[in-house]
Structures are given as C-alpha cells and as structure tokens.
N, C-alpha and C. Protein backbone atom coordinates (compact mmCIF):
# COMPACT_ATOMS: atom_id res chain seq x y z
N MET A 1 -12.15 -8.35 13.61
CA MET A 1 -12.87 -7.14 13.27
C MET A 1 -12.57 -6.04 14.27
N PHE A 2 -12.51 -6.39 15.54
CA PHE A 2 -12.25 -5.39 16.57
C PHE A 2 -10.87 -4.77 16.39
N ASP A 3 -9.89 -5.59 16.03
CA ASP A 3 -8.54 -5.07 15.80
C ASP A 3 -8.52 -4.07 14.65
N GLU A 4 -9.28 -4.36 13.60
CA GLU A 4 -9.34 -3.44 12.46
C GLU A 4 -9.98 -2.12 12.87
N LYS A 5 -11.01 -2.18 13.68
CA LYS A 5 -11.67 -0.95 14.13
C LYS A 5 -10.71 -0.13 14.99
N GLN A 6 -9.95 -0.78 15.85
CA GLN A 6 -8.96 -0.08 16.66
C GLN A 6 -7.90 0.56 15.77
N GLU A 7 -7.49 -0.17 14.75
CA GLU A 7 -6.48 0.35 13.82
C GLU A 7 -7.00 1.57 13.08
N ILE A 8 -8.26 1.51 12.64
CA ILE A 8 -8.88 2.66 11.96
C ILE A 8 -8.95 3.85 12.91
N ASN A 9 -9.41 3.62 14.13
CA ASN A 9 -9.48 4.70 15.11
C ASN A 9 -8.12 5.31 15.38
N SER A 10 -7.12 4.48 15.48
CA SER A 10 -5.76 4.96 15.72
C SER A 10 -5.28 5.84 14.57
N ALA A 11 -5.53 5.40 13.34
CA ALA A 11 -5.13 6.18 12.16
C ALA A 11 -5.88 7.50 12.10
N VAL A 12 -7.16 7.46 12.39
CA VAL A 12 -7.98 8.69 12.35
C VAL A 12 -7.54 9.66 13.44
N ASN A 13 -7.18 9.15 14.59
CA ASN A 13 -6.78 10.02 15.70
C ASN A 13 -5.47 10.76 15.43
N THR A 14 -4.68 10.32 14.45
CA THR A 14 -3.44 11.02 14.13
C THR A 14 -3.67 12.18 13.17
N LEU A 15 -4.88 12.29 12.62
CA LEU A 15 -5.17 13.34 11.64
C LEU A 15 -5.39 14.68 12.34
N SER A 16 -5.15 15.73 11.59
CA SER A 16 -5.36 17.10 12.08
C SER A 16 -6.85 17.34 12.33
N ASP A 17 -7.16 18.25 13.22
CA ASP A 17 -8.55 18.61 13.48
C ASP A 17 -9.19 19.29 12.28
N LYS A 18 -8.38 19.83 11.39
CA LYS A 18 -8.90 20.55 10.22
C LYS A 18 -8.89 19.68 8.95
N VAL A 19 -8.80 18.37 9.11
CA VAL A 19 -8.72 17.47 7.97
C VAL A 19 -10.06 17.43 7.23
N THR A 20 -9.98 17.30 5.91
CA THR A 20 -11.20 17.17 5.11
C THR A 20 -11.60 15.71 5.04
N LEU A 21 -12.82 15.47 4.63
CA LEU A 21 -13.31 14.10 4.48
C LEU A 21 -12.49 13.36 3.43
N ASN A 22 -12.22 14.02 2.30
CA ASN A 22 -11.42 13.38 1.25
C ASN A 22 -10.02 13.05 1.74
N ASP A 23 -9.41 13.95 2.49
CA ASP A 23 -8.07 13.69 3.02
C ASP A 23 -8.09 12.52 3.99
N SER A 24 -9.11 12.43 4.81
CA SER A 24 -9.17 11.34 5.77
C SER A 24 -9.40 10.00 5.07
N ILE A 25 -10.22 9.99 4.03
CA ILE A 25 -10.44 8.77 3.26
C ILE A 25 -9.15 8.34 2.58
N TYR A 26 -8.44 9.30 1.99
CA TYR A 26 -7.16 8.99 1.35
C TYR A 26 -6.16 8.45 2.37
N SER A 27 -6.13 9.05 3.54
CA SER A 27 -5.21 8.61 4.58
C SER A 27 -5.50 7.17 5.00
N LEU A 28 -6.76 6.81 5.15
CA LEU A 28 -7.13 5.44 5.49
C LEU A 28 -6.78 4.48 4.36
N TYR A 29 -6.99 4.91 3.12
CA TYR A 29 -6.63 4.10 1.96
C TYR A 29 -5.12 3.84 1.95
N LEU A 30 -4.34 4.89 2.14
CA LEU A 30 -2.89 4.76 2.15
C LEU A 30 -2.44 3.85 3.30
N HIS A 31 -3.02 4.04 4.46
CA HIS A 31 -2.70 3.21 5.62
C HIS A 31 -2.96 1.73 5.29
N SER A 32 -4.08 1.46 4.65
CA SER A 32 -4.44 0.09 4.28
C SER A 32 -3.41 -0.51 3.32
N LYS A 33 -2.99 0.26 2.33
CA LYS A 33 -2.02 -0.23 1.36
C LYS A 33 -0.66 -0.47 2.01
N LEU A 34 -0.27 0.39 2.94
CA LEU A 34 1.00 0.21 3.63
C LEU A 34 0.97 -1.03 4.52
N GLN A 35 -0.16 -1.27 5.17
CA GLN A 35 -0.31 -2.47 6.00
C GLN A 35 -0.19 -3.72 5.14
N LYS A 36 -0.83 -3.71 3.97
CA LYS A 36 -0.74 -4.86 3.07
C LYS A 36 0.69 -5.07 2.61
N SER A 37 1.38 -3.98 2.30
CA SER A 37 2.78 -4.09 1.86
C SER A 37 3.65 -4.69 2.95
N GLN A 38 3.44 -4.24 4.18
CA GLN A 38 4.22 -4.80 5.29
C GLN A 38 3.94 -6.28 5.46
N ASP A 39 2.67 -6.67 5.29
CA ASP A 39 2.30 -8.08 5.39
C ASP A 39 2.95 -8.89 4.26
N ASP A 40 2.97 -8.32 3.05
CA ASP A 40 3.60 -9.01 1.93
C ASP A 40 5.09 -9.22 2.19
N ILE A 41 5.76 -8.21 2.71
CA ILE A 41 7.19 -8.33 3.02
C ILE A 41 7.41 -9.39 4.09
N LYS A 42 6.60 -9.32 5.13
CA LYS A 42 6.72 -10.27 6.24
C LYS A 42 6.55 -11.72 5.78
N ASN A 43 5.66 -11.93 4.80
CA ASN A 43 5.36 -13.28 4.32
C ASN A 43 6.08 -13.61 3.01
N ASN A 44 7.12 -12.83 2.72
CA ASN A 44 8.01 -13.08 1.58
C ASN A 44 7.27 -13.12 0.24
N ARG A 45 6.26 -12.28 0.10
CA ARG A 45 5.55 -12.16 -1.18
C ARG A 45 6.09 -10.91 -1.89
N VAL A 46 7.36 -11.00 -2.27
CA VAL A 46 8.04 -9.88 -2.91
C VAL A 46 8.83 -10.40 -4.11
N MET A 47 9.28 -9.46 -4.95
CA MET A 47 10.15 -9.84 -6.06
C MET A 47 11.23 -8.79 -6.21
N THR A 48 12.32 -9.19 -6.83
CA THR A 48 13.41 -8.26 -7.05
C THR A 48 13.05 -7.33 -8.20
N ILE A 49 13.83 -6.27 -8.36
CA ILE A 49 13.62 -5.35 -9.47
C ILE A 49 13.82 -6.09 -10.78
N GLN A 50 14.83 -6.95 -10.83
CA GLN A 50 15.08 -7.73 -12.05
C GLN A 50 13.90 -8.62 -12.39
N GLU A 51 13.32 -9.28 -11.40
CA GLU A 51 12.15 -10.13 -11.63
C GLU A 51 10.98 -9.29 -12.14
N SER A 52 10.83 -8.12 -11.59
CA SER A 52 9.76 -7.22 -12.02
C SER A 52 9.95 -6.79 -13.48
N LYS A 53 11.19 -6.46 -13.84
CA LYS A 53 11.49 -6.08 -15.23
C LYS A 53 11.18 -7.23 -16.19
N GLU A 54 11.56 -8.44 -15.81
CA GLU A 54 11.29 -9.60 -16.65
C GLU A 54 9.79 -9.82 -16.83
N ARG A 55 9.05 -9.65 -15.77
CA ARG A 55 7.60 -9.80 -15.85
C ARG A 55 7.00 -8.76 -16.79
N MET A 56 7.49 -7.53 -16.70
CA MET A 56 6.99 -6.47 -17.57
C MET A 56 7.35 -6.73 -19.02
N LYS A 57 8.55 -7.25 -19.27
CA LYS A 57 8.96 -7.57 -20.64
C LYS A 57 8.05 -8.64 -21.25
N LYS A 58 7.67 -9.63 -20.45
CA LYS A 58 6.79 -10.68 -20.94
C LYS A 58 5.39 -10.14 -21.22
N LYS A 59 4.94 -9.24 -20.38
CA LYS A 59 3.58 -8.72 -20.50
C LYS A 59 3.45 -7.67 -21.60
N TYR A 60 4.47 -6.82 -21.74
CA TYR A 60 4.41 -5.73 -22.69
C TYR A 60 5.62 -5.83 -23.63
N ALA A 61 5.35 -6.11 -24.88
CA ALA A 61 6.42 -6.32 -25.85
C ALA A 61 7.31 -5.10 -26.02
N ASP A 62 6.75 -3.89 -25.86
CA ASP A 62 7.55 -2.69 -26.08
C ASP A 62 8.18 -2.14 -24.80
N PHE A 63 8.10 -2.88 -23.70
CA PHE A 63 8.70 -2.44 -22.45
C PHE A 63 10.21 -2.63 -22.51
N ASN A 64 10.95 -1.53 -22.27
CA ASN A 64 12.41 -1.60 -22.34
C ASN A 64 13.01 -0.64 -21.33
N VAL A 65 13.47 -1.17 -20.23
CA VAL A 65 14.12 -0.38 -19.20
C VAL A 65 15.56 -0.86 -19.07
N LYS A 66 16.45 0.09 -18.99
CA LYS A 66 17.87 -0.29 -18.89
C LYS A 66 18.30 -0.37 -17.45
C-alpha cells in the first residue's frame, strides 16, 4: 500500500500547478493502465496481432480486417 501511495504522489507531482481535478484524475487513470500494461508485458500476458484478429473473428461474425 505504501508503494502505491508513493507512486500516486510521484505521478501527481509531475502535473502542472494549473491542472484541473478532471485532468489529474485522468492522468492517474492513464498511469494505472500503463503500469498494468507494463506488468502484462513483463509477465508475458500478451498476444500477437494475428491472435487478436482471430479472437475478434470468433467473437464477432462480421469482423473482417485485412
């Protein structure tokens, strides 16, 4: 928990002094998603573009990307 609080403080400290509340919330949201993405990559929870296309084809019958 302490590490997360430090991470939040670090992210907030990079924001401009004139930042809005909505901008700061969005920035923290984006930071969180990027951290999760990095963790997914690090732990090999990724798929190729081809695998992604195949998954979409199975899920959506009208999905067609060349």
